[in-house]
Amino acid sequence: MDFTATKALFDLPEGLVYLDGNSLGPLPRAAAARVAKAVTEEWGGQLITAWNQAGWMDQPMRLGDRIGRLIGAEPGCVTVGDTLTIKVYQALAAALALRPDRRKVISDTGNFPTDLYVARGLLETLGQGHELVTVAPEAIAGAIDEDTAAILVTEVDYRTGRRHDMAALTARAHAAGALALWDLAHSAGAVPVDLAGIGADFAMGCTYKFLNGGPGAPAFIYVSPRHAAEARPALAGWLGHAAPFAFEPDYRPGAGIARMRVGTPPVLQMAALEAALDIWDEVDMTALRARSIALSERFIDGVAAACPADVHGLALASPRDPAHRGSQVSFRHSQGYAIMQALIARGVVGDFRAPDILRFGITPLYIGEDEIDRAVATLAEILGGSLWDRPEYHRRATVT
C-alpha cells in the first residue's frame, strides 16, 4: 500500500502529529463535500423523497457490508445505526435469550466500563438471577463453565492495547456451550479480524475511531448467520420490524440482521461515514497491520532510548510483543495527564486515561516515521526539562 497517498486523503492541520485516531479519527477530505451533498441536494432538494431516491433507508445495510469486509463478516450480517452502547445491549440480550437456562455472563476487569454498565443494568432488569462475573483479562478462559451463557469481551483493551485471542476464547466458550460476544471498538480498522473464521456469535463496534466516521458516527452490529433467524433484540424498534411501514401494533422481527435496526438512520452521520469507507474500501488490512507494527516498534524503541524508565519514570503499559497488542502504544507515568497536555501544546496529540495512562494511536493511513520520530523527540524534551510541570498542564479538562 502507498501510505503517502492515503495520508493525502485526510484533512489534518499542517505540522500536527495526530496520535489520537484511536479516540477520534481525523476528517477525510471528501467527507465535507459528501455531507454537503446530503444536506443540500438530498435533504434540501429531494426532501422526504430522499429516503427512497437517495437510498437513505437502505444505507445501514450497505455500509454494514462495507464494514463487514474489514472484520471478516459474511455478507448481509452487519448493519449500522444507533450507538455502541445500544448495540452491546441488543447483542447481550439476544445472547441470553438463546441460552435461557444459563445465568452467568463472563467479562474482564479491563473491559470498557460502558460494557459492564450495560451488562449489569440488563441483568438487573431481567430479574432472573443472572450474574456478571468479571475476572482478570488472562483468567477469562478459566472462568467459563457450564452455567456461562455468554462472554462479553473487548478484543483490544482501551487503556493498554492488550489484545485478547479471539479465536481461542471463542472456541473455549463454544466448548462449554456458551456464546461469544466481541466488542471491536479498538479493532475495526486497526487489526485484521475474522469473525466468520473464528465462529463469533455477535460483535459490535464504533465507527468514529479508526474508521474515521466522525464524532457521533453510528455503531455497527454483527450477528452470525446461524443465529440470524432466532436472535431477538430487546430493543425492538420500528425499523427492525419485518414491515416498518405497515405500522402494525405487534412486533414481527425483520429478516436476519435487519431486525437489529432500531431507530431512524442518522443520515448526515452516515454520509460522512460513507466518505470514510471510500478510503477503507481500498485498504489491505494485512498490509495495514504490518505497517502499524513497524511504526509501533519504532515508537517503543525510540521512547526507550530517549526517555529511560529509570530516569524519567515512564513505563510501557502495552504488551511488548506486537502480536499481543492492538494499534496503540500506552505508557504509565504518575504525571501522565500533565505530560499529555504538554505534548498537545507542542503539536503532538495523544490522550490520557485514568489513572496514569498516556495513550498513542498508531494509524498508518496518515502517520509515518517522521511523525513517530517527532513524537519521541517532543516527549524526550518534555520529560528531560520537566516542561510538564506548569499550572495550565495540571488543570483537568472535561475530556481527557
Protein backbone atom coordinates (compact mmCIF):
# COMPACT_ATOMS: atom_id res chain seq x y z
CA MET A 1 0.00 0.00 0.00
CA ASP A 2 1.06 3.58 -0.68
CA PHE A 3 0.65 5.22 2.74
CA THR A 4 1.89 8.55 1.42
CA ALA A 5 -1.12 8.57 -0.89
CA THR A 6 -3.57 7.65 1.85
CA LYS A 7 -2.26 10.44 4.09
CA ALA A 8 -3.26 12.94 1.40
CA LEU A 9 -6.87 11.75 1.74
CA PHE A 10 -7.20 13.24 5.24
CA ASP A 11 -7.56 16.87 6.26
CA LEU A 12 -5.04 17.29 9.08
CA PRO A 13 -3.71 20.63 10.38
CA GLU A 14 -0.27 21.40 9.00
CA GLY A 15 2.53 20.31 11.32
CA LEU A 16 0.31 18.39 13.72
CA VAL A 17 1.32 14.89 14.84
CA TYR A 18 -2.04 13.23 15.40
CA LEU A 19 -1.73 10.10 17.55
CA ASP A 20 -5.33 10.04 18.76
CA GLY A 21 -7.10 8.33 15.88
CA ASN A 22 -7.91 5.51 18.29
CA SER A 23 -10.23 8.00 20.03
CA LEU A 24 -11.47 10.18 17.15
CA GLY A 25 -10.29 9.64 13.60
CA PRO A 26 -9.45 12.74 11.54
CA LEU A 27 -11.61 14.19 8.79
CA PRO A 28 -11.47 12.51 5.37
CA ARG A 29 -11.07 15.26 2.77
CA ALA A 30 -14.09 14.01 0.84
CA ALA A 31 -16.40 13.97 3.87
CA ALA A 32 -17.36 17.66 3.90
CA ALA A 33 -18.50 17.58 0.27
CA ARG A 34 -20.37 14.30 0.81
CA VAL A 35 -22.20 15.67 3.85
CA ALA A 36 -22.91 18.93 1.99
CA LYS A 37 -24.45 16.91 -0.83
CA ALA A 38 -26.65 15.04 1.65
CA VAL A 39 -27.74 18.37 3.13
CA THR A 40 -28.30 20.47 0.01
CA GLU A 41 -29.09 18.05 -2.82
CA GLU A 42 -30.75 15.24 -0.90
CA TRP A 43 -32.37 16.80 2.16
CA GLY A 44 -32.73 20.22 0.55
CA GLY A 45 -33.65 19.18 -2.98
CA GLN A 46 -35.43 15.87 -2.54
CA LEU A 47 -36.91 16.33 0.93
CA ILE A 48 -38.90 13.30 2.08
CA THR A 49 -38.44 11.52 -1.25
CA ALA A 50 -34.72 11.16 -0.48
CA TRP A 51 -35.50 8.19 1.76
CA ASN A 52 -36.16 6.32 -1.49
CA GLN A 53 -34.41 8.35 -4.19
CA ALA A 54 -31.14 8.87 -2.31
CA GLY A 55 -31.22 5.43 -0.71
CA TRP A 56 -31.25 6.68 2.86
CA MET A 57 -33.35 3.80 4.16
CA ASP A 58 -31.04 1.13 2.73
CA GLN A 59 -27.83 2.84 3.77
CA PRO A 60 -27.37 0.97 7.10
CA MET A 61 -27.14 -2.37 5.31
CA ARG A 62 -24.91 -1.07 2.51
CA LEU A 63 -22.47 0.46 4.95
CA GLY A 64 -22.70 -2.66 7.10
CA ASP A 65 -21.39 -4.84 4.30
CA ARG A 66 -18.51 -2.45 3.67
CA ILE A 67 -17.52 -2.61 7.32
CA GLY A 68 -18.12 -6.35 7.24
CA ARG A 69 -15.24 -6.78 4.80
CA LEU A 70 -12.87 -5.24 7.33
CA ILE A 71 -13.95 -7.54 10.18
CA GLY A 72 -14.30 -10.82 8.31
CA ALA A 73 -18.08 -10.95 8.39
CA GLU A 74 -20.27 -12.87 5.98
CA PRO A 75 -22.25 -10.68 3.52
CA GLY A 76 -25.53 -9.41 4.90
CA CYS A 77 -24.59 -9.94 8.56
CA VAL A 78 -23.70 -6.37 9.63
CA THR A 79 -25.89 -3.32 9.95
CA VAL A 80 -25.13 0.23 11.04
CA GLY A 81 -27.04 2.60 13.32
CA ASP A 82 -27.62 3.80 16.86
CA THR A 83 -24.74 3.83 19.36
CA LEU A 84 -22.30 1.17 20.51
CA THR A 85 -23.97 1.13 23.93
CA ILE A 86 -27.28 0.20 22.31
CA LYS A 87 -25.63 -2.47 20.18
CA VAL A 88 -23.95 -4.05 23.22
CA TYR A 89 -27.35 -4.15 24.94
CA GLN A 90 -29.02 -5.72 21.91
CA ALA A 91 -26.35 -8.36 21.42
CA LEU A 92 -26.20 -9.40 25.07
CA ALA A 93 -29.98 -9.52 25.41
CA ALA A 94 -30.26 -11.68 22.31
CA ALA A 95 -27.48 -13.98 23.51
CA LEU A 96 -29.09 -14.51 26.91
CA ALA A 97 -32.39 -15.37 25.23
CA LEU A 98 -30.56 -18.01 23.19
CA ARG A 99 -29.21 -19.58 26.40
CA PRO A 100 -32.29 -19.37 28.69
CA ASP A 101 -31.11 -21.99 31.18
CA ARG A 102 -27.78 -20.32 31.95
CA ARG A 103 -27.21 -17.46 34.38
CA LYS A 104 -23.62 -16.31 34.05
CA VAL A 105 -22.00 -13.63 31.85
CA ILE A 106 -18.20 -13.51 31.87
CA SER A 107 -16.22 -10.33 31.21
CA ASP A 108 -12.91 -8.93 32.40
CA THR A 109 -11.82 -6.14 34.70
CA GLY A 110 -10.10 -4.35 31.83
CA ASN A 111 -13.25 -4.08 29.76
CA PHE A 112 -14.58 -0.66 28.83
CA PRO A 113 -16.83 0.49 31.70
CA THR A 114 -19.87 1.08 29.49
CA ASP A 115 -19.97 -2.61 28.51
CA LEU A 116 -20.00 -3.55 32.18
CA TYR A 117 -22.63 -0.91 33.00
CA VAL A 118 -24.86 -2.23 30.21
CA ALA A 119 -24.43 -5.83 31.30
CA ARG A 120 -25.23 -5.11 34.94
CA GLY A 121 -28.23 -2.98 34.04
CA LEU A 122 -29.64 -5.59 31.68
CA LEU A 123 -29.16 -8.43 34.16
CA GLU A 124 -30.83 -6.44 36.92
CA THR A 125 -33.74 -5.55 34.65
CA LEU A 126 -34.26 -9.18 33.68
CA GLY A 127 -34.50 -10.11 37.35
CA GLN A 128 -33.85 -13.79 36.61
CA GLY A 129 -30.84 -14.36 38.81
CA HIS A 130 -28.18 -13.66 36.20
CA GLU A 131 -24.68 -12.78 37.39
CA LEU A 132 -21.94 -10.71 35.74
CA VAL A 133 -18.58 -12.23 36.63
CA THR A 134 -15.52 -10.07 35.96
CA VAL A 135 -12.07 -11.61 36.19
CA ALA A 136 -8.55 -10.55 35.23
CA PRO A 137 -8.12 -10.48 31.43
CA GLU A 138 -5.88 -13.54 31.43
CA ALA A 139 -8.38 -15.50 33.55
CA ILE A 140 -11.39 -15.40 31.20
CA ALA A 141 -10.90 -18.86 29.72
CA GLY A 142 -10.69 -20.47 33.14
CA ALA A 143 -13.84 -18.72 34.35
CA ILE A 144 -16.08 -20.18 31.63
CA ASP A 145 -18.19 -23.09 32.88
CA GLU A 146 -21.41 -24.99 32.20
CA ASP A 147 -23.53 -22.15 33.63
CA THR A 148 -21.97 -19.49 31.35
CA ALA A 149 -24.44 -18.07 28.87
CA ALA A 150 -22.00 -15.69 27.16
CA ILE A 151 -18.65 -14.00 27.31
CA LEU A 152 -18.64 -10.25 26.66
CA VAL A 153 -15.11 -9.18 25.79
CA THR A 154 -13.46 -6.19 24.10
CA GLU A 155 -10.71 -7.60 21.89
CA VAL A 156 -8.29 -4.69 22.38
CA ASP A 157 -8.04 -3.10 25.83
CA TYR A 158 -8.83 0.59 25.53
CA ARG A 159 -6.15 1.62 28.02
CA THR A 160 -3.17 -0.61 27.37
CA GLY A 161 -3.85 -2.02 23.91
CA ARG A 162 -3.62 -5.57 25.27
CA ARG A 163 -5.15 -7.91 22.70
CA HIS A 164 -7.23 -10.97 23.53
CA ASP A 165 -7.00 -14.18 21.49
CA MET A 166 -10.45 -14.07 19.88
CA ALA A 167 -10.21 -17.48 18.26
CA ALA A 168 -9.11 -19.28 21.43
CA LEU A 169 -11.67 -17.62 23.70
CA THR A 170 -14.48 -18.16 21.21
CA ALA A 171 -13.56 -21.85 20.92
CA ARG A 172 -13.43 -22.14 24.72
CA ALA A 173 -16.86 -20.53 25.07
CA HIS A 174 -18.36 -22.82 22.45
CA ALA A 175 -16.83 -25.90 24.05
CA ALA A 176 -18.74 -25.00 27.21
CA GLY A 177 -21.96 -24.32 25.29
CA ALA A 178 -21.69 -20.53 25.73
CA LEU A 179 -21.82 -17.73 23.17
CA ALA A 180 -19.00 -15.30 22.33
CA LEU A 181 -19.73 -11.56 22.06
CA TRP A 182 -16.92 -9.28 20.89
CA ASP A 183 -16.61 -5.51 21.22
CA LEU A 184 -14.48 -4.33 18.29
CA ALA A 185 -14.27 -0.64 19.22
CA HIS A 186 -10.46 -0.71 19.06
CA SER A 187 -10.21 -3.47 16.45
CA ALA A 188 -12.20 -2.40 13.39
CA GLY A 189 -9.79 -0.59 11.10
CA ALA A 190 -6.89 -1.33 13.43
CA VAL A 191 -6.18 -5.07 13.24
CA PRO A 192 -7.33 -7.90 10.96
CA VAL A 193 -10.47 -9.56 12.31
CA ASP A 194 -12.08 -12.78 11.04
CA LEU A 195 -15.49 -13.08 12.68
CA ALA A 196 -16.70 -15.80 10.32
CA GLY A 197 -13.46 -17.75 10.56
CA ILE A 198 -13.42 -17.90 14.36
CA GLY A 199 -17.16 -18.55 14.60
CA ALA A 200 -18.03 -15.45 16.65
CA ASP A 201 -21.69 -15.24 17.64
CA PHE A 202 -22.15 -11.47 17.97
CA ALA A 203 -19.88 -8.47 17.54
CA MET A 204 -20.32 -4.72 17.69
CA GLY A 205 -18.15 -1.65 17.35
CA CYS A 206 -17.99 2.07 16.68
CA THR A 207 -17.01 3.92 13.51
CA TYR A 208 -15.66 7.23 14.84
CA LYS A 209 -12.24 5.88 15.89
CA PHE A 210 -10.04 4.09 13.36
CA LEU A 211 -12.78 4.12 10.68
CA ASN A 212 -12.91 7.95 10.60
CA GLY A 213 -16.69 8.30 10.54
CA GLY A 214 -16.62 11.50 12.62
CA PRO A 215 -17.92 12.48 16.07
CA GLY A 216 -21.25 10.81 16.73
CA ALA A 217 -20.80 8.36 13.85
CA PRO A 218 -23.11 5.34 14.19
CA ALA A 219 -22.16 1.95 15.57
CA PHE A 220 -22.37 -1.43 13.85
CA ILE A 221 -23.53 -4.87 14.95
CA TYR A 222 -22.80 -8.34 13.59
CA VAL A 223 -24.94 -11.43 14.11
CA SER A 224 -23.69 -14.81 12.93
CA PRO A 225 -25.90 -16.35 10.20
CA ARG A 226 -26.56 -19.34 12.45
CA HIS A 227 -28.36 -17.06 14.92
CA ALA A 228 -29.95 -14.65 12.45
CA ALA A 229 -33.37 -16.26 12.43
CA GLU A 230 -33.58 -16.65 16.22
CA ALA A 231 -31.89 -13.61 17.69
CA ARG A 232 -34.42 -11.21 19.15
CA PRO A 233 -33.26 -7.75 20.16
CA ALA A 234 -34.58 -6.47 23.46
CA LEU A 235 -34.86 -3.04 21.84
CA ALA A 236 -37.45 -3.75 19.17
CA GLY A 237 -37.54 -0.53 17.17
CA TRP A 238 -39.81 0.14 14.25
CA LEU A 239 -37.04 -0.19 11.66
CA GLY A 240 -36.26 -3.67 12.94
CA HIS A 241 -39.84 -4.70 12.12
CA ALA A 242 -40.43 -7.00 9.17
CA ALA A 243 -42.69 -4.34 7.59
CA PRO A 244 -41.89 -0.94 9.16
CA PHE A 245 -44.40 0.95 7.10
CA ALA A 246 -47.26 -1.43 7.80
CA PHE A 247 -47.33 0.18 11.28
CA GLU A 248 -48.61 -2.99 12.89
CA PRO A 249 -49.28 -2.83 16.65
CA ASP A 250 -47.38 -6.06 17.29
CA TYR A 251 -43.69 -6.58 16.60
CA ARG A 252 -42.55 -9.00 13.91
CA PRO A 253 -38.76 -9.15 13.62
CA GLY A 254 -37.23 -8.39 10.24
CA ALA A 255 -35.20 -10.97 8.38
CA GLY A 256 -31.69 -11.60 9.63
CA ILE A 257 -29.55 -8.66 10.67
CA ALA A 258 -32.29 -6.19 9.70
CA ARG A 259 -34.04 -6.96 12.99
CA MET A 260 -31.13 -5.34 14.83
CA ARG A 261 -32.07 -1.96 13.42
CA VAL A 262 -33.78 0.25 15.98
CA GLY A 263 -34.29 3.92 15.18
CA THR A 264 -34.26 6.15 12.13
CA PRO A 265 -30.87 6.12 10.36
CA PRO A 266 -28.63 9.13 11.14
CA VAL A 267 -28.38 10.21 7.53
CA LEU A 268 -25.87 13.03 7.81
CA GLN A 269 -23.54 10.99 10.00
CA MET A 270 -23.81 8.09 7.59
CA ALA A 271 -22.87 10.39 4.72
CA ALA A 272 -19.60 11.22 6.48
CA LEU A 273 -19.00 7.54 7.22
CA GLU A 274 -19.64 6.71 3.58
CA ALA A 275 -16.85 9.07 2.53
CA ALA A 276 -14.51 7.44 5.04
CA LEU A 277 -15.36 3.96 3.81
CA ASP A 278 -14.45 5.02 0.28
CA ILE A 279 -10.90 5.10 1.64
CA TRP A 280 -11.25 1.88 3.61
CA ASP A 281 -12.60 0.00 0.59
CA GLU A 282 -9.07 0.16 -0.83
CA VAL A 283 -7.21 -0.80 2.35
CA ASP A 284 -5.43 -4.15 2.67
CA MET A 285 -5.74 -4.98 6.36
CA THR A 286 -2.70 -7.29 6.31
CA ALA A 287 -0.51 -4.53 4.91
CA LEU A 288 -2.00 -2.02 7.33
CA ARG A 289 -1.26 -4.29 10.28
CA ALA A 290 2.35 -4.82 9.20
CA ARG A 291 2.84 -1.07 8.90
CA SER A 292 1.20 -0.49 12.27
CA ILE A 293 3.57 -2.94 13.96
CA ALA A 294 6.61 -1.34 12.32
CA LEU A 295 5.58 2.14 13.47
CA SER A 296 4.69 0.93 16.96
CA GLU A 297 8.03 -0.79 17.36
CA ARG A 298 9.81 2.35 16.17
CA PHE A 299 7.90 4.39 18.75
CA ILE A 300 8.53 2.00 21.64
CA ASP A 301 12.23 1.63 20.82
CA GLY A 302 12.60 5.39 20.35
CA VAL A 303 10.98 6.19 23.69
CA ALA A 304 13.04 3.54 25.49
CA ALA A 305 16.25 5.10 24.13
CA ALA A 306 15.32 8.76 24.60
CA CYS A 307 13.29 8.51 27.82
CA PRO A 308 14.82 5.76 30.01
CA ALA A 309 12.30 4.50 32.55
CA ASP A 310 14.83 4.58 35.41
CA VAL A 311 15.44 8.28 34.76
CA HIS A 312 12.01 9.62 33.85
CA GLY A 313 9.59 7.14 35.44
CA LEU A 314 7.90 6.35 32.13
CA ALA A 315 6.88 2.68 31.90
CA LEU A 316 5.49 0.81 28.91
CA ALA A 317 1.91 -0.26 29.70
CA SER A 318 1.25 -2.05 26.42
CA PRO A 319 2.41 -5.62 25.76
CA ARG A 320 5.94 -5.66 24.38
CA ASP A 321 5.09 -8.42 21.91
CA PRO A 322 3.24 -6.77 18.98
CA ALA A 323 1.21 -9.94 18.44
CA HIS A 324 -0.48 -9.25 21.78
CA ARG A 325 -1.01 -5.54 21.11
CA GLY A 326 -3.59 -3.61 19.11
CA SER A 327 -2.77 -0.49 17.11
CA GLN A 328 -1.88 1.72 20.05
CA VAL A 329 1.00 2.20 22.46
CA SER A 330 0.44 3.24 26.07
CA PHE A 331 2.80 4.35 28.81
CA ARG A 332 2.32 4.86 32.54
CA HIS A 333 3.57 7.88 34.43
CA SER A 334 2.46 9.43 37.71
CA GLN A 335 2.13 12.78 35.91
CA GLY A 336 0.58 11.32 32.77
CA TYR A 337 -2.15 13.93 32.42
CA ALA A 338 0.19 16.92 32.64
CA ILE A 339 2.70 15.31 30.28
CA MET A 340 -0.02 14.72 27.70
CA GLN A 341 -1.17 18.34 27.94
CA ALA A 342 2.40 19.48 27.37
CA LEU A 343 2.63 17.23 24.31
CA ILE A 344 -0.63 18.58 22.89
CA ALA A 345 0.55 22.15 23.44
CA ARG A 346 3.57 21.30 21.25
CA GLY A 347 1.54 19.75 18.45
CA VAL A 348 1.74 16.07 19.39
CA VAL A 349 -1.79 14.86 20.14
CA GLY A 350 -2.49 11.71 22.11
CA ASP A 351 -4.79 11.33 25.09
CA PHE A 352 -4.90 10.33 28.76
CA ARG A 353 -6.80 7.59 30.53
CA ALA A 354 -7.08 7.47 34.30
CA PRO A 355 -5.30 6.84 36.48
CA ASP A 356 -1.92 7.23 34.77
CA ILE A 357 -2.03 6.19 31.10
CA LEU A 358 -0.64 8.20 28.18
CA ARG A 359 -2.23 6.71 25.08
CA PHE A 360 -0.96 6.97 21.49
CA GLY A 361 -2.89 5.61 18.49
CA ILE A 362 -0.79 4.21 15.66
CA THR A 363 -2.75 4.86 12.46
CA PRO A 364 -0.68 4.18 9.33
CA LEU A 365 -3.14 5.74 6.87
CA TYR A 366 -1.90 9.17 7.94
CA ILE A 367 1.01 8.60 10.37
CA GLY A 368 4.55 7.72 9.26
CA GLU A 369 8.12 7.59 10.52
CA ASP A 370 8.51 11.37 10.59
CA GLU A 371 5.53 11.79 12.91
CA ILE A 372 6.73 8.96 15.16
CA ASP A 373 10.22 10.45 15.44
CA ARG A 374 8.87 13.91 16.20
CA ALA A 375 6.63 12.47 18.93
CA VAL A 376 9.60 10.71 20.52
CA ALA A 377 11.75 13.85 20.40
CA THR A 378 9.00 16.02 21.85
CA LEU A 379 8.30 13.59 24.66
CA ALA A 380 12.01 13.43 25.49
CA GLU A 381 12.22 17.22 25.56
CA ILE A 382 9.23 17.50 27.91
CA LEU A 383 10.48 14.84 30.31
CA GLY A 384 14.09 15.99 30.20
CA GLY A 385 13.20 19.53 31.17
CA SER A 386 10.19 18.75 33.36
CA LEU A 387 8.27 21.02 30.99
CA TRP A 388 5.00 19.35 32.02
CA ASP A 389 5.16 20.96 35.46
CA ARG A 390 3.19 24.11 34.69
CA PRO A 391 -0.18 25.01 36.24
CA GLU A 392 -2.08 25.00 32.96
CA TYR A 393 -0.99 21.41 32.22
CA HIS A 394 -2.35 20.15 35.54
CA ARG A 395 -5.77 21.76 35.08
CA ARG A 396 -8.19 18.95 34.16
CA ALA A 397 -10.49 19.49 31.19
CA THR A 398 -13.82 17.69 30.86
CA VAL A 399 -12.49 15.38 28.12
CA THR A 400 -9.09 13.86 28.80
